[in-house]
Amino acid sequence: MSVGFTAGRDGGVTIALDAGEASILRSLVSQVLGLVEPGATGQDPLERALGIGAAEEPSDPVLARLFPSAYADDEKAAAEFRRYTEATLREGKRADAETLLETAEQGEVRLTQEQGQAWLRALNDVRLALGVRLEVTEEIHEELADMAEDDPRYPAYVTYDWLTYLQDTLVRALW
């Protein structure tokens, strides 16, 4: 397992990934990239040109977590906000995921400050998606400590824990 991210002298960050780690990161980020495809836009040509999207909250719990409602107590305001912002949010998540996919490779990976921040956002999206699918709670560390290695959930929980570690070391290296 990698030792996590370290700060570079130029403001960037570095991590050494083995082939398995690079492959896991690329696979998970590719899955999230598939989830955050451009959303449906309105029928009006001007709405399509401006990227104005659908107003309804996603039915997929992962997408609902990645694109939470801005106004929990006001459905109309939440729908209007979503309509004008979700397309841009999706573009940003896709760009971050693509940056990670372009730079995650076996061996020493050197990232600029900007690339490191894109990785941070992409790792966060992967953790959110995996956390929803695993129904992760605050007690994840206790659950993992008590979980038998032959439990079918074990590899996914260990992966989630590893992603948390990477995110933590990246935050520390960037700041």
N, C-alpha and C. Protein backbone atom coordinates (compact mmCIF):
# COMPACT_ATOMS: atom_id res chain seq x y z
N MET A 1 0.84 -1.19 0.00
CA MET A 1 0.00 0.00 0.00
C MET A 1 0.87 1.24 0.00
N SER A 2 0.46 2.23 -0.77
CA SER A 2 1.23 3.47 -0.87
C SER A 2 1.29 4.16 0.49
N VAL A 3 2.27 5.02 0.61
CA VAL A 3 2.42 5.77 1.86
C VAL A 3 1.64 7.08 1.81
N GLY A 4 0.82 7.23 0.80
CA GLY A 4 0.00 8.43 0.70
C GLY A 4 0.73 9.55 -0.02
N PHE A 5 0.11 10.70 0.00
CA PHE A 5 0.64 11.86 -0.71
C PHE A 5 1.66 12.59 0.15
N THR A 6 2.63 13.18 -0.52
CA THR A 6 3.60 14.05 0.14
C THR A 6 3.64 15.37 -0.62
N ALA A 7 3.93 16.43 0.12
CA ALA A 7 4.01 17.76 -0.48
C ALA A 7 5.31 17.91 -1.25
N GLY A 8 5.21 18.55 -2.39
CA GLY A 8 6.41 18.87 -3.17
C GLY A 8 6.87 20.28 -2.87
N ARG A 9 8.07 20.57 -3.26
CA ARG A 9 8.62 21.91 -3.01
C ARG A 9 7.97 22.98 -3.88
N ASP A 10 7.38 22.56 -4.98
CA ASP A 10 6.79 23.50 -5.93
C ASP A 10 5.31 23.76 -5.66
N GLY A 11 4.78 23.27 -4.54
CA GLY A 11 3.37 23.43 -4.22
C GLY A 11 2.52 22.27 -4.70
N GLY A 12 3.10 21.38 -5.49
CA GLY A 12 2.38 20.21 -5.95
C GLY A 12 2.47 19.09 -4.93
N VAL A 13 2.03 17.92 -5.33
CA VAL A 13 2.04 16.75 -4.46
C VAL A 13 2.52 15.54 -5.26
N THR A 14 2.97 14.52 -4.51
CA THR A 14 3.49 13.30 -5.12
C THR A 14 2.94 12.10 -4.38
N ILE A 15 2.70 11.03 -5.14
CA ILE A 15 2.33 9.75 -4.56
C ILE A 15 2.93 8.65 -5.42
N ALA A 16 3.34 7.57 -4.79
CA ALA A 16 3.81 6.39 -5.51
C ALA A 16 2.71 5.34 -5.46
N LEU A 17 2.21 4.95 -6.62
CA LEU A 17 1.14 3.97 -6.71
C LEU A 17 1.67 2.68 -7.34
N ASP A 18 1.27 1.55 -6.76
CA ASP A 18 1.61 0.30 -7.43
C ASP A 18 0.55 0.04 -8.50
N ALA A 19 0.76 -0.96 -9.31
CA ALA A 19 -0.15 -1.23 -10.44
C ALA A 19 -1.59 -1.47 -9.96
N GLY A 20 -1.74 -2.20 -8.87
CA GLY A 20 -3.08 -2.49 -8.36
C GLY A 20 -3.79 -1.25 -7.87
N GLU A 21 -3.07 -0.39 -7.17
CA GLU A 21 -3.67 0.85 -6.66
C GLU A 21 -4.11 1.76 -7.80
N ALA A 22 -3.24 1.91 -8.80
CA ALA A 22 -3.59 2.74 -9.95
C ALA A 22 -4.82 2.17 -10.66
N SER A 23 -4.87 0.86 -10.79
CA SER A 23 -5.99 0.21 -11.46
C SER A 23 -7.30 0.40 -10.69
N ILE A 24 -7.25 0.24 -9.38
CA ILE A 24 -8.44 0.43 -8.55
C ILE A 24 -8.94 1.87 -8.65
N LEU A 25 -8.04 2.83 -8.54
CA LEU A 25 -8.45 4.23 -8.64
C LEU A 25 -9.10 4.52 -9.99
N ARG A 26 -8.45 4.05 -11.05
CA ARG A 26 -8.98 4.30 -12.40
C ARG A 26 -10.35 3.65 -12.56
N SER A 27 -10.51 2.45 -12.06
CA SER A 27 -11.79 1.74 -12.19
C SER A 27 -12.90 2.47 -11.44
N LEU A 28 -12.65 2.83 -10.19
CA LEU A 28 -13.67 3.50 -9.39
C LEU A 28 -14.03 4.86 -9.96
N VAL A 29 -13.04 5.62 -10.39
CA VAL A 29 -13.30 6.94 -10.94
C VAL A 29 -14.05 6.81 -12.27
N SER A 30 -13.74 5.80 -13.05
CA SER A 30 -14.46 5.56 -14.31
C SER A 30 -15.93 5.28 -14.04
N GLN A 31 -16.21 4.54 -12.98
CA GLN A 31 -17.61 4.26 -12.63
C GLN A 31 -18.35 5.53 -12.25
N VAL A 32 -17.71 6.38 -11.46
CA VAL A 32 -18.35 7.65 -11.08
C VAL A 32 -18.51 8.53 -12.32
N LEU A 33 -17.52 8.53 -13.18
CA LEU A 33 -17.61 9.31 -14.42
C LEU A 33 -18.83 8.88 -15.23
N GLY A 34 -19.09 7.59 -15.28
CA GLY A 34 -20.28 7.10 -15.97
C GLY A 34 -21.57 7.56 -15.32
N LEU A 35 -21.55 7.72 -14.01
CA LEU A 35 -22.76 8.18 -13.30
C LEU A 35 -23.06 9.65 -13.54
N VAL A 36 -22.03 10.45 -13.69
CA VAL A 36 -22.23 11.90 -13.79
C VAL A 36 -22.20 12.38 -15.24
N GLU A 37 -22.69 11.54 -16.13
CA GLU A 37 -22.84 11.95 -17.52
C GLU A 37 -23.62 13.25 -17.56
N PRO A 38 -23.50 13.97 -18.67
CA PRO A 38 -24.31 15.19 -18.75
C PRO A 38 -25.78 14.85 -18.55
N GLY A 39 -26.46 15.63 -17.75
CA GLY A 39 -27.87 15.40 -17.47
C GLY A 39 -28.76 15.86 -18.61
N ALA A 40 -30.01 15.56 -18.49
CA ALA A 40 -30.98 15.96 -19.50
C ALA A 40 -31.17 17.47 -19.44
N THR A 41 -31.21 18.08 -20.62
CA THR A 41 -31.47 19.51 -20.68
C THR A 41 -32.90 19.73 -21.14
N GLY A 42 -33.34 20.94 -21.05
CA GLY A 42 -34.70 21.28 -21.45
C GLY A 42 -34.93 21.09 -22.94
N GLN A 43 -36.17 21.12 -23.35
CA GLN A 43 -36.53 20.96 -24.76
C GLN A 43 -36.30 22.24 -25.56
N ASP A 44 -36.39 23.35 -24.90
CA ASP A 44 -36.20 24.63 -25.56
C ASP A 44 -34.75 24.77 -26.04
N PRO A 45 -34.52 25.21 -27.29
CA PRO A 45 -33.14 25.34 -27.80
C PRO A 45 -32.27 26.26 -26.95
N LEU A 46 -32.85 27.33 -26.42
CA LEU A 46 -32.08 28.24 -25.58
C LEU A 46 -31.68 27.55 -24.28
N GLU A 47 -32.59 26.78 -23.67
CA GLU A 47 -32.27 26.03 -22.46
C GLU A 47 -31.13 25.04 -22.73
N ARG A 48 -31.21 24.34 -23.87
CA ARG A 48 -30.14 23.38 -24.21
C ARG A 48 -28.82 24.12 -24.38
N ALA A 49 -28.83 25.25 -25.06
CA ALA A 49 -27.61 26.02 -25.30
C ALA A 49 -27.00 26.52 -23.99
N LEU A 50 -27.84 26.88 -23.05
CA LEU A 50 -27.36 27.39 -21.76
C LEU A 50 -27.09 26.29 -20.74
N GLY A 51 -27.40 25.05 -21.08
CA GLY A 51 -27.19 23.95 -20.16
C GLY A 51 -28.18 23.90 -19.03
N ILE A 52 -29.34 24.47 -19.23
CA ILE A 52 -30.38 24.44 -18.20
C ILE A 52 -30.97 23.05 -18.21
N GLY A 53 -30.97 22.41 -17.06
CA GLY A 53 -31.34 21.00 -17.00
C GLY A 53 -32.67 20.72 -16.36
N ALA A 54 -32.83 19.45 -16.08
CA ALA A 54 -34.05 18.98 -15.43
C ALA A 54 -34.08 19.48 -13.99
N ALA A 55 -35.29 19.62 -13.46
CA ALA A 55 -35.45 20.18 -12.12
C ALA A 55 -35.66 19.11 -11.05
N GLU A 56 -35.90 17.87 -11.44
CA GLU A 56 -36.21 16.86 -10.43
C GLU A 56 -34.94 16.27 -9.80
N GLU A 57 -35.08 15.93 -8.53
CA GLU A 57 -33.99 15.30 -7.78
C GLU A 57 -33.76 13.90 -8.34
N PRO A 58 -32.49 13.50 -8.47
CA PRO A 58 -32.21 12.17 -9.00
C PRO A 58 -32.82 11.07 -8.13
N SER A 59 -33.28 10.00 -8.79
CA SER A 59 -33.85 8.88 -8.03
C SER A 59 -32.75 7.94 -7.53
N ASP A 60 -31.60 7.92 -8.19
CA ASP A 60 -30.47 7.09 -7.74
C ASP A 60 -29.89 7.72 -6.47
N PRO A 61 -29.80 6.96 -5.37
CA PRO A 61 -29.29 7.53 -4.11
C PRO A 61 -27.87 8.07 -4.23
N VAL A 62 -27.05 7.48 -5.08
CA VAL A 62 -25.68 7.99 -5.26
C VAL A 62 -25.72 9.37 -5.90
N LEU A 63 -26.50 9.51 -6.97
CA LEU A 63 -26.61 10.81 -7.61
C LEU A 63 -27.25 11.84 -6.68
N ALA A 64 -28.20 11.42 -5.88
CA ALA A 64 -28.81 12.33 -4.91
C ALA A 64 -27.77 12.80 -3.90
N ARG A 65 -26.80 11.95 -3.57
CA ARG A 65 -25.73 12.33 -2.64
C ARG A 65 -24.71 13.22 -3.32
N LEU A 66 -24.40 12.93 -4.59
CA LEU A 66 -23.44 13.74 -5.32
C LEU A 66 -24.00 15.11 -5.70
N PHE A 67 -25.32 15.18 -5.88
CA PHE A 67 -26.00 16.42 -6.23
C PHE A 67 -27.15 16.66 -5.25
N PRO A 68 -26.81 16.98 -4.00
CA PRO A 68 -27.86 17.12 -2.98
C PRO A 68 -28.74 18.34 -3.25
N SER A 69 -29.90 18.30 -2.66
CA SER A 69 -30.85 19.39 -2.77
C SER A 69 -30.31 20.62 -2.04
N ALA A 70 -30.40 21.76 -2.68
CA ALA A 70 -29.89 22.99 -2.07
C ALA A 70 -30.82 23.53 -1.00
N TYR A 71 -32.11 23.19 -1.12
CA TYR A 71 -33.10 23.70 -0.18
C TYR A 71 -33.95 22.54 0.30
N ALA A 72 -33.61 21.97 1.42
CA ALA A 72 -34.30 20.79 1.94
C ALA A 72 -35.76 21.08 2.29
N ASP A 73 -36.06 22.29 2.69
CA ASP A 73 -37.41 22.63 3.13
C ASP A 73 -38.27 23.32 2.08
N ASP A 74 -37.73 23.48 0.87
CA ASP A 74 -38.47 24.20 -0.17
C ASP A 74 -38.24 23.50 -1.51
N GLU A 75 -39.15 22.60 -1.85
CA GLU A 75 -39.00 21.79 -3.07
C GLU A 75 -38.96 22.66 -4.33
N LYS A 76 -39.76 23.70 -4.37
CA LYS A 76 -39.80 24.56 -5.56
C LYS A 76 -38.46 25.28 -5.75
N ALA A 77 -37.93 25.84 -4.68
CA ALA A 77 -36.64 26.54 -4.76
C ALA A 77 -35.53 25.55 -5.09
N ALA A 78 -35.59 24.35 -4.50
CA ALA A 78 -34.58 23.33 -4.77
C ALA A 78 -34.60 22.92 -6.24
N ALA A 79 -35.79 22.75 -6.79
CA ALA A 79 -35.92 22.37 -8.20
C ALA A 79 -35.37 23.47 -9.11
N GLU A 80 -35.68 24.69 -8.80
CA GLU A 80 -35.20 25.81 -9.62
C GLU A 80 -33.68 25.93 -9.54
N PHE A 81 -33.12 25.79 -8.35
CA PHE A 81 -31.67 25.85 -8.17
C PHE A 81 -31.01 24.72 -8.95
N ARG A 82 -31.54 23.51 -8.83
CA ARG A 82 -31.00 22.34 -9.55
C ARG A 82 -31.03 22.57 -11.06
N ARG A 83 -32.13 23.12 -11.51
CA ARG A 83 -32.31 23.35 -12.95
C ARG A 83 -31.20 24.21 -13.54
N TYR A 84 -30.73 25.19 -12.78
CA TYR A 84 -29.73 26.12 -13.29
C TYR A 84 -28.29 25.75 -12.92
N THR A 85 -28.08 24.82 -12.02
CA THR A 85 -26.71 24.54 -11.56
C THR A 85 -26.22 23.13 -11.85
N GLU A 86 -27.12 22.16 -11.98
CA GLU A 86 -26.67 20.76 -12.04
C GLU A 86 -25.77 20.48 -13.24
N ALA A 87 -26.06 21.06 -14.39
CA ALA A 87 -25.24 20.80 -15.58
C ALA A 87 -23.79 21.24 -15.33
N THR A 88 -23.62 22.40 -14.73
CA THR A 88 -22.28 22.90 -14.44
C THR A 88 -21.59 22.03 -13.39
N LEU A 89 -22.34 21.60 -12.38
CA LEU A 89 -21.77 20.72 -11.36
C LEU A 89 -21.32 19.40 -11.98
N ARG A 90 -22.13 18.86 -12.87
CA ARG A 90 -21.77 17.61 -13.56
C ARG A 90 -20.49 17.81 -14.38
N GLU A 91 -20.39 18.92 -15.10
CA GLU A 91 -19.19 19.22 -15.89
C GLU A 91 -17.95 19.24 -14.99
N GLY A 92 -18.07 19.87 -13.84
CA GLY A 92 -16.94 19.96 -12.92
C GLY A 92 -16.52 18.59 -12.40
N LYS A 93 -17.48 17.77 -12.04
CA LYS A 93 -17.18 16.42 -11.55
C LYS A 93 -16.54 15.59 -12.65
N ARG A 94 -17.02 15.74 -13.88
CA ARG A 94 -16.44 15.01 -15.01
C ARG A 94 -14.99 15.47 -15.25
N ALA A 95 -14.76 16.76 -15.20
CA ALA A 95 -13.41 17.29 -15.43
C ALA A 95 -12.45 16.78 -14.36
N ASP A 96 -12.90 16.77 -13.09
CA ASP A 96 -12.05 16.27 -12.01
C ASP A 96 -11.73 14.79 -12.22
N ALA A 97 -12.74 14.01 -12.57
CA ALA A 97 -12.54 12.57 -12.80
C ALA A 97 -11.59 12.35 -13.97
N GLU A 98 -11.74 13.12 -15.02
CA GLU A 98 -10.86 12.97 -16.18
C GLU A 98 -9.43 13.34 -15.84
N THR A 99 -9.24 14.35 -15.00
CA THR A 99 -7.88 14.70 -14.56
C THR A 99 -7.25 13.54 -13.82
N LEU A 100 -7.99 12.91 -12.92
CA LEU A 100 -7.46 11.76 -12.19
C LEU A 100 -7.15 10.62 -13.16
N LEU A 101 -8.05 10.34 -14.08
CA LEU A 101 -7.82 9.25 -15.03
C LEU A 101 -6.59 9.50 -15.91
N GLU A 102 -6.36 10.75 -16.27
CA GLU A 102 -5.22 11.10 -17.11
C GLU A 102 -3.89 11.00 -16.37
N THR A 103 -3.92 11.11 -15.05
CA THR A 103 -2.67 11.20 -14.29
C THR A 103 -2.40 10.00 -13.38
N ALA A 104 -3.38 9.18 -13.11
CA ALA A 104 -3.19 8.03 -12.21
C ALA A 104 -2.51 6.90 -12.98
N GLU A 105 -1.29 6.64 -12.62
CA GLU A 105 -0.54 5.58 -13.28
C GLU A 105 0.38 4.91 -12.27
N GLN A 106 0.86 3.75 -12.65
CA GLN A 106 1.78 3.03 -11.77
C GLN A 106 3.08 3.82 -11.65
N GLY A 107 3.63 3.83 -10.45
CA GLY A 107 4.88 4.54 -10.21
C GLY A 107 4.65 5.86 -9.52
N GLU A 108 5.63 6.74 -9.62
CA GLU A 108 5.54 8.04 -8.96
C GLU A 108 4.66 8.97 -9.79
N VAL A 109 3.64 9.50 -9.14
CA VAL A 109 2.70 10.42 -9.78
C VAL A 109 2.94 11.79 -9.17
N ARG A 110 3.32 12.73 -10.02
CA ARG A 110 3.52 14.12 -9.57
C ARG A 110 2.36 14.97 -10.09
N LEU A 111 1.74 15.68 -9.17
CA LEU A 111 0.59 16.51 -9.52
C LEU A 111 0.86 17.96 -9.18
N THR A 112 0.38 18.85 -10.03
CA THR A 112 0.42 20.27 -9.70
C THR A 112 -0.61 20.52 -8.60
N GLN A 113 -0.58 21.69 -8.03
CA GLN A 113 -1.57 22.08 -7.03
C GLN A 113 -2.98 21.92 -7.60
N GLU A 114 -3.19 22.39 -8.82
CA GLU A 114 -4.51 22.33 -9.46
C GLU A 114 -4.93 20.87 -9.69
N GLN A 115 -4.03 20.04 -10.18
CA GLN A 115 -4.34 18.63 -10.38
C GLN A 115 -4.63 17.94 -9.05
N GLY A 116 -3.87 18.30 -8.02
CA GLY A 116 -4.09 17.73 -6.69
C GLY A 116 -5.48 18.07 -6.16
N GLN A 117 -5.93 19.29 -6.40
CA GLN A 117 -7.27 19.67 -5.96
C GLN A 117 -8.34 18.93 -6.76
N ALA A 118 -8.09 18.70 -8.05
CA ALA A 118 -9.03 17.92 -8.86
C ALA A 118 -9.09 16.48 -8.33
N TRP A 119 -7.94 15.92 -7.98
CA TRP A 119 -7.90 14.57 -7.40
C TRP A 119 -8.69 14.55 -6.09
N LEU A 120 -8.53 15.58 -5.29
CA LEU A 120 -9.24 15.65 -4.01
C LEU A 120 -10.75 15.61 -4.22
N ARG A 121 -11.23 16.38 -5.16
CA ARG A 121 -12.67 16.39 -5.44
C ARG A 121 -13.13 15.05 -6.03
N ALA A 122 -12.32 14.47 -6.92
CA ALA A 122 -12.68 13.18 -7.52
C ALA A 122 -12.67 12.07 -6.48
N LEU A 123 -11.68 12.06 -5.59
CA LEU A 123 -11.65 11.07 -4.51
C LEU A 123 -12.87 11.22 -3.61
N ASN A 124 -13.25 12.46 -3.34
CA ASN A 124 -14.43 12.70 -2.51
C ASN A 124 -15.68 12.14 -3.18
N ASP A 125 -15.81 12.35 -4.47
CA ASP A 125 -16.96 11.82 -5.19
C ASP A 125 -16.99 10.29 -5.15
N VAL A 126 -15.83 9.66 -5.32
CA VAL A 126 -15.77 8.19 -5.27
C VAL A 126 -16.15 7.71 -3.87
N ARG A 127 -15.63 8.36 -2.84
CA ARG A 127 -15.96 7.97 -1.46
C ARG A 127 -17.45 8.14 -1.18
N LEU A 128 -18.02 9.25 -1.64
CA LEU A 128 -19.45 9.46 -1.44
C LEU A 128 -20.26 8.36 -2.13
N ALA A 129 -19.92 8.06 -3.37
CA ALA A 129 -20.65 7.03 -4.12
C ALA A 129 -20.51 5.67 -3.46
N LEU A 130 -19.30 5.29 -3.11
CA LEU A 130 -19.07 4.00 -2.47
C LEU A 130 -19.72 3.96 -1.09
N GLY A 131 -19.63 5.06 -0.36
CA GLY A 131 -20.25 5.14 0.97
C GLY A 131 -21.75 4.94 0.92
N VAL A 132 -22.40 5.51 -0.09
CA VAL A 132 -23.85 5.32 -0.24
C VAL A 132 -24.15 3.86 -0.54
N ARG A 133 -23.42 3.28 -1.48
CA ARG A 133 -23.67 1.88 -1.87
C ARG A 133 -23.43 0.92 -0.70
N LEU A 134 -22.41 1.22 0.13
CA LEU A 134 -22.09 0.36 1.28
C LEU A 134 -22.91 0.71 2.52
N GLU A 135 -23.66 1.81 2.45
CA GLU A 135 -24.41 2.31 3.60
C GLU A 135 -23.48 2.56 4.79
N VAL A 136 -22.37 3.24 4.50
CA VAL A 136 -21.36 3.54 5.51
C VAL A 136 -21.94 4.48 6.56
N THR A 137 -21.61 4.19 7.81
CA THR A 137 -22.01 5.02 8.94
C THR A 137 -20.76 5.53 9.65
N GLU A 138 -20.97 6.31 10.69
CA GLU A 138 -19.86 6.82 11.49
C GLU A 138 -19.05 5.70 12.14
N GLU A 139 -19.65 4.55 12.26
CA GLU A 139 -19.01 3.41 12.93
C GLU A 139 -18.22 2.53 11.96
N ILE A 140 -17.83 3.04 10.81
CA ILE A 140 -17.18 2.19 9.81
C ILE A 140 -15.90 1.55 10.34
N HIS A 141 -15.13 2.27 11.13
CA HIS A 141 -13.87 1.70 11.62
C HIS A 141 -14.13 0.54 12.58
N GLU A 142 -15.14 0.69 13.42
CA GLU A 142 -15.49 -0.42 14.32
C GLU A 142 -16.03 -1.60 13.52
N GLU A 143 -16.87 -1.32 12.51
CA GLU A 143 -17.41 -2.39 11.67
C GLU A 143 -16.28 -3.13 10.96
N LEU A 144 -15.34 -2.39 10.42
CA LEU A 144 -14.23 -2.99 9.70
C LEU A 144 -13.34 -3.81 10.63
N ALA A 145 -13.11 -3.30 11.83
CA ALA A 145 -12.28 -4.03 12.79
C ALA A 145 -12.92 -5.35 13.21
N ASP A 146 -14.25 -5.38 13.27
CA ASP A 146 -14.97 -6.59 13.67
C ASP A 146 -15.32 -7.51 12.50
N MET A 147 -15.08 -7.07 11.28
CA MET A 147 -15.49 -7.82 10.11
C MET A 147 -14.46 -8.90 9.77
N ALA A 148 -14.93 -10.09 9.50
CA ALA A 148 -14.04 -11.18 9.09
C ALA A 148 -13.55 -10.93 7.67
N GLU A 149 -12.32 -11.31 7.39
CA GLU A 149 -11.76 -11.07 6.07
C GLU A 149 -12.48 -11.85 4.98
N ASP A 150 -13.21 -12.90 5.33
CA ASP A 150 -13.95 -13.65 4.32
C ASP A 150 -15.38 -13.11 4.12
N ASP A 151 -15.73 -12.04 4.84
CA ASP A 151 -17.02 -11.38 4.65
C ASP A 151 -17.01 -10.78 3.23
N PRO A 152 -18.04 -11.01 2.45
CA PRO A 152 -18.05 -10.50 1.08
C PRO A 152 -17.97 -8.96 0.98
N ARG A 153 -18.31 -8.27 2.05
CA ARG A 153 -18.22 -6.81 2.06
C ARG A 153 -16.81 -6.31 2.37
N TYR A 154 -15.97 -7.18 2.92
CA TYR A 154 -14.66 -6.77 3.41
C TYR A 154 -13.82 -6.01 2.37
N PRO A 155 -13.65 -6.52 1.14
CA PRO A 155 -12.82 -5.78 0.17
C PRO A 155 -13.35 -4.37 -0.11
N ALA A 156 -14.66 -4.21 -0.20
CA ALA A 156 -15.23 -2.89 -0.46
C ALA A 156 -14.99 -1.94 0.72
N TYR A 157 -15.14 -2.45 1.94
CA TYR A 157 -14.90 -1.62 3.12
C TYR A 157 -13.43 -1.23 3.24
N VAL A 158 -12.54 -2.15 2.93
CA VAL A 158 -11.10 -1.85 2.97
C VAL A 158 -10.78 -0.80 1.90
N THR A 159 -11.39 -0.93 0.74
CA THR A 159 -11.18 0.05 -0.33
C THR A 159 -11.67 1.42 0.11
N TYR A 160 -12.83 1.48 0.74
CA TYR A 160 -13.36 2.75 1.24
C TYR A 160 -12.39 3.35 2.26
N ASP A 161 -11.88 2.53 3.14
CA ASP A 161 -10.94 2.99 4.16
C ASP A 161 -9.66 3.53 3.50
N TRP A 162 -9.18 2.83 2.48
CA TRP A 162 -7.98 3.25 1.75
C TRP A 162 -8.22 4.59 1.06
N LEU A 163 -9.39 4.76 0.44
CA LEU A 163 -9.71 6.03 -0.20
C LEU A 163 -9.75 7.17 0.82
N THR A 164 -10.26 6.89 2.00
CA THR A 164 -10.29 7.88 3.08
C THR A 164 -8.86 8.28 3.45
N TYR A 165 -7.98 7.28 3.56
CA TYR A 165 -6.57 7.53 3.86
C TYR A 165 -5.93 8.41 2.77
N LEU A 166 -6.17 8.05 1.50
CA LEU A 166 -5.59 8.84 0.41
C LEU A 166 -6.09 10.28 0.47
N GLN A 167 -7.38 10.45 0.69
CA GLN A 167 -7.95 11.78 0.75
C GLN A 167 -7.33 12.58 1.91
N ASP A 168 -7.17 11.95 3.05
CA ASP A 168 -6.58 12.61 4.21
C ASP A 168 -5.13 13.04 3.93
N THR A 169 -4.34 12.13 3.35
CA THR A 169 -2.95 12.50 3.08
C THR A 169 -2.86 13.58 2.00
N LEU A 170 -3.80 13.57 1.06
CA LEU A 170 -3.80 14.60 0.02
C LEU A 170 -4.15 15.97 0.60
N VAL A 171 -5.13 16.01 1.46
CA VAL A 171 -5.49 17.27 2.13
C VAL A 171 -4.28 17.80 2.89
N ARG A 172 -3.63 16.95 3.64
CA ARG A 172 -2.46 17.38 4.44
C ARG A 172 -1.30 17.84 3.54
N ALA A 173 -1.10 17.18 2.41
CA ALA A 173 -0.02 17.55 1.51
C ALA A 173 -0.32 18.87 0.79
N LEU A 174 -1.57 19.10 0.46
CA LEU A 174 -1.93 20.34 -0.24
C LEU A 174 -1.90 21.56 0.68
N TRP A 175 -2.19 21.35 1.97
CA TRP A 175 -2.22 22.48 2.91
C TRP A 175 -1.26 22.25 4.01
